C-alpha cells in the first residue's frame, strides 16, 4: 500500500526481462496510503514477461471479505480499512474495479519454484510447513505460517518469504535476513514509519531498498 516506496525501489533494480526474473511476494495492499494504486501497478506489471506476482495473506483476506459478503470480517480491522475505502471511492466512477481486483487476486499462485545457478529456490508469502515436501504445501501455510517454519525448516531449497517484518525477529532490523536454515526473510517493514521495501538478487546476494520516504 505504500506505492511511492514501491516505485522508488523499482527504479533502482534495473529490471530487464531479457536477463532477469522478478518475483513479488504478496501483500500489495493495506496499511498504506495508496493501496489501490499499488495493486493496480502490480496488476499491470504482472502481465510483463518474467514477472511473477504471488498472493499474500492480505490479498487473501480481501478476497474472502468480498466472497463472503463481509461476513466474518478479518480484513478491515487488520489493515484493510483504507483499502476498502479506496475501492468504494473508485467504484463510483469505475463500477467493475472491485471485480477486476478480485479476479487478479484469485489468479495469483501461492508459490513459485525455481532452479537457478545450480540451486533451488521456493518463493511464497509466509513460509512452508516443515513436515511436508514442497510439492504438498497447503495455501494456509504458504500465506500464514510463522514460527514453526522459522524454527523447523531444514530443507535443501532456499525459501524466500515476506509476511513477518525482520524487526520482529531482530529488534530494529530494516534489512533482509538470511537464516542459516536456508530461509531468506524479505519483509523489511514497509508499513512502519521508517520501514523499507526490499529486493534481493538471490544468486548474488545484492540488496536494493526503497528510499527513506516518510509515512
N, C-alpha and C. Protein backbone atom coordinates (compact mmCIF):
# COMPACT_ATOMS: atom_id res chain seq x y z
N UNK A 1 0.78 -1.21 0.00
CA UNK A 1 0.00 0.00 0.00
C UNK A 1 0.82 1.28 0.00
N UNK A 2 2.10 1.17 0.23
CA UNK A 2 2.98 2.34 0.20
C UNK A 2 3.60 2.46 -1.19
N UNK A 3 2.80 3.01 -2.10
CA UNK A 3 3.11 2.99 -3.52
C UNK A 3 4.39 3.75 -3.84
N UNK A 4 4.62 4.89 -3.18
CA UNK A 4 5.82 5.66 -3.50
C UNK A 4 7.09 4.90 -3.11
N UNK A 5 7.04 4.18 -2.01
CA UNK A 5 8.19 3.34 -1.66
C UNK A 5 8.40 2.25 -2.70
N UNK A 6 7.31 1.67 -3.17
CA UNK A 6 7.42 0.63 -4.19
C UNK A 6 8.06 1.17 -5.46
N UNK A 7 7.62 2.33 -5.91
CA UNK A 7 8.18 2.93 -7.12
C UNK A 7 9.65 3.28 -6.94
N UNK A 8 10.01 3.78 -5.76
CA UNK A 8 11.41 4.14 -5.54
C UNK A 8 12.32 2.93 -5.59
N UNK A 9 11.83 1.80 -5.07
CA UNK A 9 12.62 0.57 -5.15
C UNK A 9 12.72 0.09 -6.58
N UNK A 10 11.59 0.05 -7.29
CA UNK A 10 11.60 -0.47 -8.65
C UNK A 10 12.55 0.35 -9.54
N UNK A 11 12.64 1.63 -9.29
CA UNK A 11 13.54 2.46 -10.08
C UNK A 11 15.00 2.15 -9.88
N UNK A 12 15.33 1.41 -8.83
CA UNK A 12 16.73 1.10 -8.52
C UNK A 12 17.21 -0.24 -9.07
N UNK A 13 16.29 -1.17 -9.30
CA UNK A 13 16.72 -2.55 -9.56
C UNK A 13 17.09 -2.80 -11.02
N UNK A 14 16.75 -1.87 -11.91
CA UNK A 14 17.12 -2.01 -13.32
C UNK A 14 16.65 -3.35 -13.89
N UNK A 15 15.38 -3.65 -13.67
CA UNK A 15 14.83 -4.93 -14.14
C UNK A 15 14.82 -5.00 -15.66
N UNK A 16 15.38 -6.08 -16.18
CA UNK A 16 15.43 -6.34 -17.62
C UNK A 16 14.89 -7.75 -17.86
N UNK A 17 13.69 -7.90 -18.45
CA UNK A 17 13.12 -9.23 -18.64
C UNK A 17 13.94 -10.13 -19.55
N UNK A 18 14.91 -9.57 -20.27
CA UNK A 18 15.79 -10.40 -21.10
C UNK A 18 16.79 -11.18 -20.25
N UNK A 19 17.07 -10.67 -19.06
CA UNK A 19 18.09 -11.33 -18.24
C UNK A 19 17.59 -11.66 -16.84
N UNK A 20 16.49 -11.07 -16.41
CA UNK A 20 16.05 -11.17 -15.03
C UNK A 20 14.69 -11.85 -14.90
N UNK A 21 14.45 -12.38 -13.71
CA UNK A 21 13.13 -12.85 -13.29
C UNK A 21 12.79 -12.10 -12.02
N UNK A 22 11.62 -11.47 -11.98
CA UNK A 22 11.21 -10.66 -10.84
C UNK A 22 10.02 -11.32 -10.16
N UNK A 23 10.18 -11.63 -8.87
CA UNK A 23 9.12 -12.28 -8.10
C UNK A 23 8.65 -11.35 -6.99
N UNK A 24 7.36 -11.03 -6.99
CA UNK A 24 6.74 -10.26 -5.91
C UNK A 24 6.11 -11.23 -4.93
N UNK A 25 6.27 -10.97 -3.63
CA UNK A 25 5.89 -11.93 -2.60
C UNK A 25 4.52 -11.67 -1.97
N UNK A 26 3.74 -10.75 -2.52
CA UNK A 26 2.41 -10.52 -1.98
C UNK A 26 2.35 -9.38 -0.98
N UNK A 27 1.14 -9.13 -0.47
CA UNK A 27 0.83 -8.00 0.41
C UNK A 27 1.08 -6.68 -0.32
N UNK A 28 0.34 -6.48 -1.39
CA UNK A 28 0.42 -5.25 -2.17
C UNK A 28 -0.48 -4.16 -1.58
N UNK A 29 -1.35 -4.55 -0.69
CA UNK A 29 -2.37 -3.65 -0.16
C UNK A 29 -2.31 -3.60 1.36
N UNK A 30 -3.05 -2.63 1.92
CA UNK A 30 -3.31 -2.47 3.35
C UNK A 30 -2.19 -1.75 4.09
N UNK A 31 -2.61 -0.98 5.05
CA UNK A 31 -1.72 -0.23 5.95
C UNK A 31 -0.90 0.84 5.23
N UNK A 32 -1.28 1.18 4.01
CA UNK A 32 -0.58 2.23 3.29
C UNK A 32 -1.51 3.34 2.88
N UNK A 33 -0.96 4.33 2.17
CA UNK A 33 -1.75 5.49 1.76
C UNK A 33 -2.28 5.37 0.33
N UNK A 34 -1.68 4.49 -0.47
CA UNK A 34 -2.08 4.35 -1.87
C UNK A 34 -2.21 2.87 -2.21
N UNK A 35 -3.13 2.23 -1.53
CA UNK A 35 -3.28 0.78 -1.66
C UNK A 35 -3.74 0.37 -3.05
N UNK A 36 -4.77 1.02 -3.55
CA UNK A 36 -5.30 0.66 -4.86
C UNK A 36 -4.29 0.98 -5.96
N UNK A 37 -3.58 2.07 -5.83
CA UNK A 37 -2.54 2.40 -6.82
C UNK A 37 -1.46 1.34 -6.85
N UNK A 38 -1.05 0.87 -5.69
CA UNK A 38 -0.04 -0.18 -5.64
C UNK A 38 -0.56 -1.47 -6.27
N UNK A 39 -1.81 -1.82 -5.96
CA UNK A 39 -2.38 -3.04 -6.51
C UNK A 39 -2.53 -2.94 -8.03
N UNK A 40 -3.01 -1.81 -8.51
CA UNK A 40 -3.14 -1.64 -9.97
C UNK A 40 -1.78 -1.75 -10.66
N UNK A 41 -0.76 -1.18 -10.05
CA UNK A 41 0.58 -1.23 -10.65
C UNK A 41 1.06 -2.67 -10.74
N UNK A 42 0.85 -3.44 -9.68
CA UNK A 42 1.23 -4.85 -9.70
C UNK A 42 0.42 -5.61 -10.74
N UNK A 43 -0.85 -5.31 -10.87
CA UNK A 43 -1.69 -5.97 -11.87
C UNK A 43 -1.15 -5.73 -13.27
N UNK A 44 -0.72 -4.52 -13.54
CA UNK A 44 -0.13 -4.21 -14.85
C UNK A 44 1.22 -4.88 -15.02
N UNK A 45 2.07 -4.77 -14.01
CA UNK A 45 3.42 -5.32 -14.10
C UNK A 45 3.40 -6.84 -14.27
N UNK A 46 2.42 -7.50 -13.67
CA UNK A 46 2.37 -8.97 -13.72
C UNK A 46 2.13 -9.50 -15.13
N UNK A 47 1.67 -8.65 -16.03
CA UNK A 47 1.44 -9.08 -17.41
C UNK A 47 2.72 -9.07 -18.24
N UNK A 48 3.78 -8.52 -17.68
CA UNK A 48 5.05 -8.48 -18.40
C UNK A 48 5.76 -9.82 -18.33
N UNK A 49 6.63 -10.05 -19.27
CA UNK A 49 7.38 -11.30 -19.31
C UNK A 49 8.34 -11.39 -18.13
N UNK A 50 8.48 -12.59 -17.59
CA UNK A 50 9.40 -12.87 -16.49
C UNK A 50 9.09 -12.08 -15.22
N UNK A 51 7.80 -11.85 -14.98
CA UNK A 51 7.34 -11.26 -13.72
C UNK A 51 6.33 -12.21 -13.10
N UNK A 52 6.55 -12.55 -11.83
CA UNK A 52 5.65 -13.43 -11.08
C UNK A 52 5.13 -12.66 -9.88
N UNK A 53 3.83 -12.54 -9.76
CA UNK A 53 3.21 -11.87 -8.62
C UNK A 53 2.45 -12.90 -7.79
N UNK A 54 2.95 -13.19 -6.60
CA UNK A 54 2.33 -14.18 -5.73
C UNK A 54 1.23 -13.55 -4.87
N UNK A 55 0.47 -14.39 -4.23
CA UNK A 55 -0.60 -13.95 -3.34
C UNK A 55 -0.08 -13.82 -1.91
N UNK A 56 -0.49 -12.75 -1.24
CA UNK A 56 -0.18 -12.57 0.16
C UNK A 56 -1.41 -12.77 1.02
N UNK A 57 -1.23 -12.83 2.32
CA UNK A 57 -2.40 -13.05 3.19
C UNK A 57 -3.36 -11.86 3.19
N UNK A 58 -2.85 -10.65 2.91
CA UNK A 58 -3.76 -9.50 2.87
C UNK A 58 -4.64 -9.53 1.62
N UNK A 59 -4.08 -9.96 0.49
CA UNK A 59 -4.93 -10.16 -0.68
C UNK A 59 -5.96 -11.26 -0.42
N UNK A 60 -5.53 -12.30 0.28
CA UNK A 60 -6.46 -13.39 0.61
C UNK A 60 -7.60 -12.89 1.50
N UNK A 61 -7.26 -12.07 2.49
CA UNK A 61 -8.29 -11.52 3.37
C UNK A 61 -9.28 -10.65 2.59
N UNK A 62 -8.76 -9.86 1.68
CA UNK A 62 -9.64 -9.03 0.86
C UNK A 62 -10.56 -9.89 0.01
N UNK A 63 -10.02 -10.90 -0.62
CA UNK A 63 -10.82 -11.78 -1.48
C UNK A 63 -11.92 -12.47 -0.65
N UNK A 64 -11.55 -12.96 0.53
CA UNK A 64 -12.54 -13.64 1.38
C UNK A 64 -13.61 -12.68 1.86
N UNK A 65 -13.25 -11.43 2.12
CA UNK A 65 -14.23 -10.44 2.57
C UNK A 65 -15.34 -10.29 1.54
N UNK A 66 -14.96 -10.09 0.29
CA UNK A 66 -15.97 -9.90 -0.74
C UNK A 66 -16.67 -11.21 -1.11
N UNK A 67 -15.95 -12.32 -1.07
CA UNK A 67 -16.57 -13.61 -1.37
C UNK A 67 -17.63 -13.97 -0.34
N UNK A 68 -17.42 -13.53 0.90
CA UNK A 68 -18.36 -13.86 1.98
C UNK A 68 -19.35 -12.73 2.26
N UNK A 69 -19.38 -11.73 1.41
CA UNK A 69 -20.31 -10.63 1.62
C UNK A 69 -20.03 -9.82 2.86
N UNK A 70 -18.78 -9.81 3.31
CA UNK A 70 -18.41 -9.06 4.51
C UNK A 70 -18.61 -9.81 5.80
N UNK A 71 -19.17 -11.02 5.74
CA UNK A 71 -19.37 -11.81 6.95
C UNK A 71 -18.04 -12.30 7.51
N UNK A 72 -17.95 -12.37 8.84
CA UNK A 72 -16.73 -12.85 9.48
C UNK A 72 -15.53 -12.02 9.10
N UNK A 73 -15.70 -10.71 9.09
CA UNK A 73 -14.69 -9.81 8.56
C UNK A 73 -13.41 -9.81 9.40
N UNK A 74 -12.32 -10.31 8.82
CA UNK A 74 -11.00 -10.20 9.43
C UNK A 74 -10.15 -9.16 8.71
N UNK A 75 -10.60 -8.77 7.53
CA UNK A 75 -9.77 -7.92 6.68
C UNK A 75 -9.71 -6.47 7.14
N UNK A 76 -10.85 -5.83 7.24
CA UNK A 76 -10.86 -4.39 7.51
C UNK A 76 -10.23 -4.03 8.86
N UNK A 77 -10.45 -4.81 9.94
CA UNK A 77 -9.79 -4.46 11.21
C UNK A 77 -8.29 -4.78 11.21
N UNK A 78 -7.80 -5.49 10.20
CA UNK A 78 -6.39 -5.89 10.15
C UNK A 78 -5.65 -5.20 9.01
N UNK A 79 -5.90 -3.91 8.87
CA UNK A 79 -5.17 -3.12 7.89
C UNK A 79 -5.93 -2.84 6.62
N UNK A 80 -7.11 -3.44 6.44
CA UNK A 80 -7.81 -3.31 5.17
C UNK A 80 -8.76 -2.13 5.07
N UNK A 81 -8.97 -1.39 6.14
CA UNK A 81 -9.98 -0.33 6.10
C UNK A 81 -9.67 0.72 5.03
N UNK A 82 -8.41 1.16 4.95
CA UNK A 82 -8.07 2.18 3.95
C UNK A 82 -8.24 1.64 2.54
N UNK A 83 -7.88 0.38 2.33
CA UNK A 83 -8.06 -0.23 1.01
C UNK A 83 -9.53 -0.30 0.66
N UNK A 84 -10.35 -0.70 1.62
CA UNK A 84 -11.80 -0.77 1.40
C UNK A 84 -12.36 0.59 1.02
N UNK A 85 -11.92 1.62 1.74
CA UNK A 85 -12.40 2.97 1.44
C UNK A 85 -11.99 3.40 0.03
N UNK A 86 -10.77 3.09 -0.37
CA UNK A 86 -10.30 3.44 -1.71
C UNK A 86 -11.12 2.71 -2.78
N UNK A 87 -11.41 1.46 -2.55
CA UNK A 87 -12.21 0.69 -3.51
C UNK A 87 -13.63 1.25 -3.63
N UNK A 88 -14.22 1.64 -2.51
CA UNK A 88 -15.56 2.22 -2.55
C UNK A 88 -15.56 3.52 -3.35
N UNK A 89 -14.56 4.34 -3.13
CA UNK A 89 -14.46 5.60 -3.87
C UNK A 89 -14.27 5.36 -5.36
N UNK A 90 -13.36 4.44 -5.69
CA UNK A 90 -13.08 4.16 -7.11
C UNK A 90 -14.28 3.56 -7.83
N UNK A 91 -15.05 2.76 -7.12
CA UNK A 91 -16.17 2.06 -7.76
C UNK A 91 -17.30 3.02 -8.17
N UNK A 92 -17.31 4.23 -7.65
CA UNK A 92 -18.33 5.20 -8.05
C UNK A 92 -18.18 5.63 -9.50
N UNK A 93 -16.94 5.66 -9.98
CA UNK A 93 -16.69 6.02 -11.37
C UNK A 93 -16.23 4.83 -12.21
N UNK A 94 -15.87 3.75 -11.54
CA UNK A 94 -15.38 2.55 -12.23
C UNK A 94 -16.06 1.34 -11.59
N UNK A 95 -17.29 1.06 -11.95
CA UNK A 95 -18.08 0.05 -11.24
C UNK A 95 -17.44 -1.34 -11.20
N UNK A 96 -16.61 -1.67 -12.17
CA UNK A 96 -16.05 -3.02 -12.23
C UNK A 96 -14.71 -3.15 -11.52
N UNK A 97 -14.26 -2.10 -10.84
CA UNK A 97 -12.91 -2.13 -10.28
C UNK A 97 -12.74 -3.24 -9.25
N UNK A 98 -13.72 -3.45 -8.39
CA UNK A 98 -13.58 -4.48 -7.37
C UNK A 98 -13.53 -5.86 -8.01
N UNK A 99 -14.39 -6.11 -8.99
CA UNK A 99 -14.37 -7.41 -9.66
C UNK A 99 -13.04 -7.66 -10.35
N UNK A 100 -12.46 -6.64 -10.95
CA UNK A 100 -11.16 -6.83 -11.61
C UNK A 100 -10.07 -7.15 -10.60
N UNK A 101 -10.10 -6.46 -9.48
CA UNK A 101 -9.10 -6.73 -8.44
C UNK A 101 -9.26 -8.14 -7.88
N UNK A 102 -10.50 -8.55 -7.65
CA UNK A 102 -10.74 -9.90 -7.11
C UNK A 102 -10.32 -10.97 -8.11
N UNK A 103 -10.57 -10.75 -9.39
CA UNK A 103 -10.16 -11.72 -10.40
C UNK A 103 -8.64 -11.86 -10.44
N UNK A 104 -7.95 -10.73 -10.29
CA UNK A 104 -6.49 -10.76 -10.25
C UNK A 104 -6.01 -11.56 -9.05
N UNK A 105 -6.57 -11.27 -7.88
CA UNK A 105 -6.16 -11.98 -6.67
C UNK A 105 -6.44 -13.47 -6.80
N UNK A 106 -7.60 -13.80 -7.34
CA UNK A 106 -7.98 -15.21 -7.47
C UNK A 106 -7.03 -15.97 -8.38
N UNK A 107 -6.40 -15.28 -9.31
CA UNK A 107 -5.48 -15.92 -10.25
C UNK A 107 -4.05 -16.00 -9.73
N UNK A 108 -3.80 -15.40 -8.57
CA UNK A 108 -2.42 -15.40 -8.05
C UNK A 108 -2.05 -16.77 -7.50
N UNK A 109 -0.89 -17.29 -7.88
CA UNK A 109 -0.40 -18.50 -7.24
C UNK A 109 0.11 -18.20 -5.83
N UNK A 110 0.17 -19.23 -5.02
CA UNK A 110 0.67 -19.06 -3.64
C UNK A 110 2.16 -19.37 -3.53
N UNK A 111 2.75 -19.92 -4.58
CA UNK A 111 4.18 -20.25 -4.52
C UNK A 111 4.76 -20.30 -5.92
N UNK A 112 6.07 -20.25 -5.98
CA UNK A 112 6.80 -20.34 -7.24
C UNK A 112 8.13 -21.04 -6.96
N UNK A 113 8.44 -22.03 -7.76
CA UNK A 113 9.65 -22.84 -7.55
C UNK A 113 10.60 -22.66 -8.72
N UNK A 114 11.89 -22.58 -8.42
CA UNK A 114 12.86 -22.22 -9.45
C UNK A 114 14.20 -22.92 -9.21
N UNK A 115 14.80 -23.41 -10.28
CA UNK A 115 16.19 -23.87 -10.27
C UNK A 115 17.03 -22.83 -10.98
N UNK A 116 18.05 -22.32 -10.32
CA UNK A 116 18.90 -21.29 -10.92
C UNK A 116 20.28 -21.34 -10.28
N UNK A 117 21.29 -21.23 -11.11
CA UNK A 117 22.66 -21.22 -10.60
C UNK A 117 23.02 -22.47 -9.84
N UNK A 118 22.43 -23.61 -10.22
CA UNK A 118 22.70 -24.85 -9.52
C UNK A 118 22.05 -24.95 -8.16
N UNK A 119 21.11 -24.08 -7.86
CA UNK A 119 20.44 -24.08 -6.57
C UNK A 119 18.93 -24.07 -6.79
N UNK A 120 18.20 -24.48 -5.75
CA UNK A 120 16.75 -24.47 -5.81
C UNK A 120 16.20 -23.39 -4.89
N UNK A 121 15.20 -22.66 -5.41
CA UNK A 121 14.55 -21.61 -4.64
C UNK A 121 13.05 -21.84 -4.65
N UNK A 122 12.43 -21.56 -3.52
CA UNK A 122 10.98 -21.68 -3.38
C UNK A 122 10.48 -20.36 -2.82
N UNK A 123 9.67 -19.66 -3.58
CA UNK A 123 9.15 -18.36 -3.20
C UNK A 123 7.70 -18.50 -2.74
N UNK A 124 7.38 -17.91 -1.61
CA UNK A 124 5.99 -17.85 -1.15
C UNK A 124 5.87 -16.68 -0.18
N UNK A 125 4.66 -16.38 0.23
CA UNK A 125 4.47 -15.20 1.06
C UNK A 125 4.97 -15.39 2.49
N UNK A 126 4.58 -16.48 3.13
CA UNK A 126 4.84 -16.63 4.56
C UNK A 126 5.86 -17.70 4.90
N UNK A 127 5.81 -18.86 4.26
CA UNK A 127 6.70 -19.95 4.60
C UNK A 127 6.07 -21.28 4.28
N UNK A 128 6.71 -22.34 4.74
CA UNK A 128 6.24 -23.70 4.45
C UNK A 128 6.12 -24.51 5.74
N UNK A 129 5.26 -25.51 5.68
CA UNK A 129 5.16 -26.47 6.77
C UNK A 129 6.37 -27.39 6.71
N UNK A 130 7.23 -27.37 7.74
CA UNK A 130 8.49 -28.13 7.68
C UNK A 130 8.30 -29.63 7.48
N UNK A 131 7.17 -30.19 7.91
CA UNK A 131 6.97 -31.63 7.84
C UNK A 131 6.47 -32.11 6.49
N UNK A 132 6.20 -31.20 5.56
CA UNK A 132 5.68 -31.58 4.26
C UNK A 132 6.67 -31.24 3.16
N UNK A 133 6.76 -32.08 2.11
CA UNK A 133 7.59 -31.71 0.96
C UNK A 133 7.02 -30.48 0.27
N UNK A 134 7.85 -29.79 -0.48
CA UNK A 134 7.42 -28.53 -1.08
C UNK A 134 6.23 -28.70 -2.00
N UNK A 135 6.18 -29.81 -2.71
CA UNK A 135 5.09 -30.02 -3.67
C UNK A 135 3.74 -30.28 -3.00
N UNK A 136 3.73 -30.52 -1.69
CA UNK A 136 2.49 -30.80 -0.98
C UNK A 136 2.07 -29.67 -0.03
N UNK A 137 2.70 -28.53 -0.15
CA UNK A 137 2.38 -27.41 0.74
C UNK A 137 0.95 -26.93 0.51
N UNK A 138 0.31 -26.49 1.59
CA UNK A 138 -1.07 -26.04 1.54
C UNK A 138 -1.15 -24.51 1.58
N UNK A 139 -2.14 -23.92 0.88
CA UNK A 139 -2.24 -22.46 0.84
C UNK A 139 -2.24 -21.79 2.21
N UNK A 140 -2.90 -22.38 3.19
CA UNK A 140 -2.97 -21.74 4.51
C UNK A 140 -1.58 -21.51 5.08
N UNK A 141 -0.70 -22.51 4.97
CA UNK A 141 0.65 -22.35 5.48
C UNK A 141 1.45 -21.38 4.62
N UNK A 142 1.32 -21.48 3.31
CA UNK A 142 2.06 -20.60 2.41
C UNK A 142 1.73 -19.13 2.65
N UNK A 143 0.52 -18.86 3.16
CA UNK A 143 0.08 -17.49 3.37
C UNK A 143 0.21 -17.01 4.82
N UNK A 144 0.28 -17.94 5.79
CA UNK A 144 0.13 -17.53 7.19
C UNK A 144 1.20 -18.03 8.15
N UNK A 145 1.92 -19.09 7.85
CA UNK A 145 2.79 -19.73 8.84
C UNK A 145 3.89 -18.75 9.30
N UNK A 146 4.33 -18.94 10.54
CA UNK A 146 5.42 -18.12 11.06
C UNK A 146 6.43 -19.00 11.81
N UNK A 147 6.33 -19.02 13.15
CA UNK A 147 7.38 -19.58 13.99
C UNK A 147 7.76 -21.01 13.67
N UNK A 148 6.78 -21.87 13.44
CA UNK A 148 7.08 -23.28 13.16
C UNK A 148 7.97 -23.41 11.93
N UNK A 149 7.75 -22.56 10.96
CA UNK A 149 8.57 -22.54 9.74
C UNK A 149 9.98 -22.06 10.05
N UNK A 150 10.11 -20.93 10.74
CA UNK A 150 11.44 -20.38 11.01
C UNK A 150 12.29 -21.35 11.81
N UNK A 151 11.67 -22.02 12.78
CA UNK A 151 12.42 -22.92 13.66
C UNK A 151 12.64 -24.30 13.06
N UNK A 152 11.67 -24.77 12.25
CA UNK A 152 11.68 -26.18 11.89
C UNK A 152 12.11 -26.51 10.48
N UNK A 153 12.23 -25.51 9.60
CA UNK A 153 12.58 -25.83 8.22
C UNK A 153 14.07 -26.15 8.09
N UNK A 154 14.38 -27.26 7.44
CA UNK A 154 15.77 -27.64 7.22
C UNK A 154 15.95 -28.27 5.84
N UNK A 155 15.16 -27.84 4.87
CA UNK A 155 15.23 -28.39 3.53
C UNK A 155 16.43 -27.85 2.75
N UNK A 156 16.65 -28.46 1.57
CA UNK A 156 17.77 -28.04 0.73
C UNK A 156 17.46 -26.77 -0.05
N UNK A 157 16.20 -26.57 -0.40
CA UNK A 157 15.82 -25.38 -1.16
C UNK A 157 15.84 -24.14 -0.28
N UNK A 158 16.28 -23.03 -0.84
CA UNK A 158 16.18 -21.75 -0.15
C UNK A 158 14.75 -21.25 -0.29
N UNK A 159 14.10 -20.98 0.84
CA UNK A 159 12.72 -20.49 0.83
C UNK A 159 12.75 -18.98 1.05
N UNK A 160 12.19 -18.25 0.10
CA UNK A 160 12.22 -16.79 0.11
C UNK A 160 10.82 -16.28 0.46
N UNK A 161 10.72 -15.50 1.53
CA UNK A 161 9.41 -15.12 2.06
C UNK A 161 9.37 -13.66 2.49
N UNK A 162 8.14 -13.17 2.68
CA UNK A 162 7.89 -11.87 3.30
C UNK A 162 7.15 -12.10 4.61
N UNK A 163 5.97 -11.47 4.76
CA UNK A 163 4.99 -11.75 5.80
C UNK A 163 5.33 -11.17 7.17
N UNK A 164 6.48 -11.50 7.71
CA UNK A 164 6.86 -11.03 9.05
C UNK A 164 8.01 -10.04 8.94
N UNK A 165 7.80 -8.83 9.45
CA UNK A 165 8.86 -7.82 9.38
C UNK A 165 10.11 -8.31 10.10
N UNK A 166 11.25 -8.07 9.49
CA UNK A 166 12.52 -8.54 10.06
C UNK A 166 12.76 -7.97 11.46
N UNK A 167 12.21 -6.78 11.73
CA UNK A 167 12.41 -6.21 13.06
C UNK A 167 11.69 -7.01 14.15
N UNK A 168 10.73 -7.83 13.77
CA UNK A 168 10.05 -8.69 14.74
C UNK A 168 10.96 -9.83 15.19
N UNK A 169 11.92 -10.17 14.36
CA UNK A 169 12.85 -11.25 14.69
C UNK A 169 14.18 -10.73 15.22
N UNK A 170 14.57 -9.56 14.74
CA UNK A 170 15.79 -8.91 15.24
C UNK A 170 15.47 -7.45 15.46
N UNK A 171 15.47 -7.02 16.68
CA UNK A 171 15.00 -5.70 17.06
C UNK A 171 15.66 -4.60 16.22
N UNK A 172 14.83 -3.76 15.61
CA UNK A 172 15.33 -2.63 14.84
C UNK A 172 15.84 -2.96 13.46
N UNK A 173 15.81 -4.23 13.06
CA UNK A 173 16.38 -4.62 11.77
C UNK A 173 15.49 -4.14 10.63
N UNK A 174 16.08 -3.46 9.66
CA UNK A 174 15.36 -2.97 8.48
C UNK A 174 15.97 -3.53 7.20
N UNK A 175 16.65 -4.65 7.32
CA UNK A 175 17.31 -5.26 6.18
C UNK A 175 16.89 -6.72 6.05
N UNK A 176 16.99 -7.30 4.85
CA UNK A 176 16.69 -8.72 4.69
C UNK A 176 17.60 -9.58 5.57
N UNK A 177 17.08 -10.72 5.98
CA UNK A 177 17.82 -11.64 6.85
C UNK A 177 17.94 -13.00 6.17
N UNK A 178 19.17 -13.50 6.07
CA UNK A 178 19.40 -14.86 5.62
C UNK A 178 19.57 -15.73 6.87
N UNK A 179 18.65 -16.63 7.11
CA UNK A 179 18.79 -17.56 8.22
C UNK A 179 19.65 -18.75 7.80
N UNK A 180 20.28 -19.39 8.77
CA UNK A 180 21.20 -20.49 8.46
C UNK A 180 20.48 -21.70 7.86
N UNK A 181 19.18 -21.83 8.13
CA UNK A 181 18.45 -22.99 7.62
C UNK A 181 17.77 -22.69 6.28
N UNK A 182 18.50 -21.97 5.41
CA UNK A 182 18.07 -21.75 4.03
C UNK A 182 16.75 -20.99 3.94
N UNK A 183 16.61 -19.94 4.73
CA UNK A 183 15.44 -19.07 4.66
C UNK A 183 15.92 -17.64 4.43
N UNK A 184 15.28 -16.96 3.48
CA UNK A 184 15.56 -15.54 3.24
C UNK A 184 14.30 -14.75 3.57
N UNK A 185 14.41 -13.86 4.55
CA UNK A 185 13.30 -13.04 5.01
C UNK A 185 13.39 -11.65 4.38
N UNK A 186 12.34 -11.26 3.66
CA UNK A 186 12.42 -10.03 2.86
C UNK A 186 11.47 -8.93 3.30
N UNK A 187 10.63 -9.16 4.28
CA UNK A 187 9.73 -8.10 4.73
C UNK A 187 10.49 -7.17 5.66
N UNK A 188 10.82 -5.99 5.14
CA UNK A 188 11.59 -5.04 5.95
C UNK A 188 10.72 -3.87 6.40
N UNK A 189 9.43 -4.17 6.62
CA UNK A 189 8.55 -3.26 7.33
C UNK A 189 8.05 -2.07 6.54
N UNK A 190 7.56 -2.32 5.33
CA UNK A 190 7.04 -1.21 4.53
C UNK A 190 5.97 -0.41 5.25
N UNK A 191 5.21 -1.06 6.10
CA UNK A 191 4.11 -0.37 6.79
C UNK A 191 4.58 0.45 7.98
N UNK A 192 5.84 0.33 8.35
CA UNK A 192 6.38 1.04 9.51
C UNK A 192 6.86 2.44 9.11
N UNK A 193 6.82 3.40 10.02
CA UNK A 193 7.22 4.77 9.68
C UNK A 193 8.61 4.86 9.05
N UNK A 194 9.55 4.07 9.52
CA UNK A 194 10.90 4.09 8.96
C UNK A 194 11.22 2.80 8.22
N UNK A 195 10.19 2.12 7.76
CA UNK A 195 10.39 0.85 7.07
C UNK A 195 10.85 1.01 5.64
N UNK A 196 11.13 -0.11 5.02
CA UNK A 196 11.59 -0.16 3.63
C UNK A 196 10.87 -1.28 2.90
N UNK A 197 10.88 -1.21 1.58
CA UNK A 197 10.59 -2.36 0.73
C UNK A 197 11.91 -2.80 0.14
N UNK A 198 12.17 -4.10 0.15
CA UNK A 198 13.48 -4.61 -0.25
C UNK A 198 13.38 -5.60 -1.40
N UNK A 199 14.46 -5.64 -2.17
CA UNK A 199 14.61 -6.62 -3.25
C UNK A 199 16.00 -7.23 -3.13
N UNK A 200 16.09 -8.54 -3.32
CA UNK A 200 17.37 -9.24 -3.24
C UNK A 200 17.59 -10.06 -4.51
N UNK A 201 18.78 -9.97 -5.06
CA UNK A 201 19.20 -10.91 -6.10
C UNK A 201 19.60 -12.20 -5.38
N UNK A 202 18.79 -13.24 -5.54
CA UNK A 202 19.02 -14.45 -4.73
C UNK A 202 20.29 -15.18 -5.13
N UNK A 203 20.83 -14.90 -6.30
CA UNK A 203 22.07 -15.57 -6.72
C UNK A 203 23.31 -14.82 -6.22
N UNK A 204 23.30 -13.50 -6.32
CA UNK A 204 24.48 -12.73 -5.91
C UNK A 204 24.41 -12.22 -4.48
N UNK A 205 23.18 -12.10 -3.95
CA UNK A 205 23.00 -11.55 -2.62
C UNK A 205 22.90 -10.04 -2.59
N UNK A 206 22.96 -9.38 -3.74
CA UNK A 206 22.85 -7.93 -3.77
C UNK A 206 21.47 -7.49 -3.29
N UNK A 207 21.46 -6.40 -2.52
CA UNK A 207 20.23 -5.91 -1.91
C UNK A 207 19.95 -4.48 -2.38
N UNK A 208 18.69 -4.22 -2.73
CA UNK A 208 18.21 -2.86 -3.01
C UNK A 208 17.08 -2.57 -2.04
N UNK A 209 16.98 -1.30 -1.63
CA UNK A 209 15.89 -0.90 -0.75
C UNK A 209 15.27 0.41 -1.20
N UNK A 210 14.00 0.58 -0.86
CA UNK A 210 13.31 1.82 -1.21
C UNK A 210 13.93 2.99 -0.48
N UNK A 211 13.68 4.17 -1.00
CA UNK A 211 14.16 5.39 -0.36
C UNK A 211 13.48 5.59 0.99
N UNK A 212 14.07 6.46 1.79
CA UNK A 212 13.52 6.77 3.11
C UNK A 212 12.38 7.77 2.93
N UNK A 213 11.21 7.24 2.53
CA UNK A 213 10.04 8.08 2.28
C UNK A 213 9.15 8.01 3.51
N UNK A 214 8.95 9.12 4.15
CA UNK A 214 8.19 9.15 5.40
C UNK A 214 6.73 8.84 5.15
N UNK A 215 6.11 8.16 6.11
CA UNK A 215 4.68 7.90 6.04
C UNK A 215 3.91 8.99 6.75
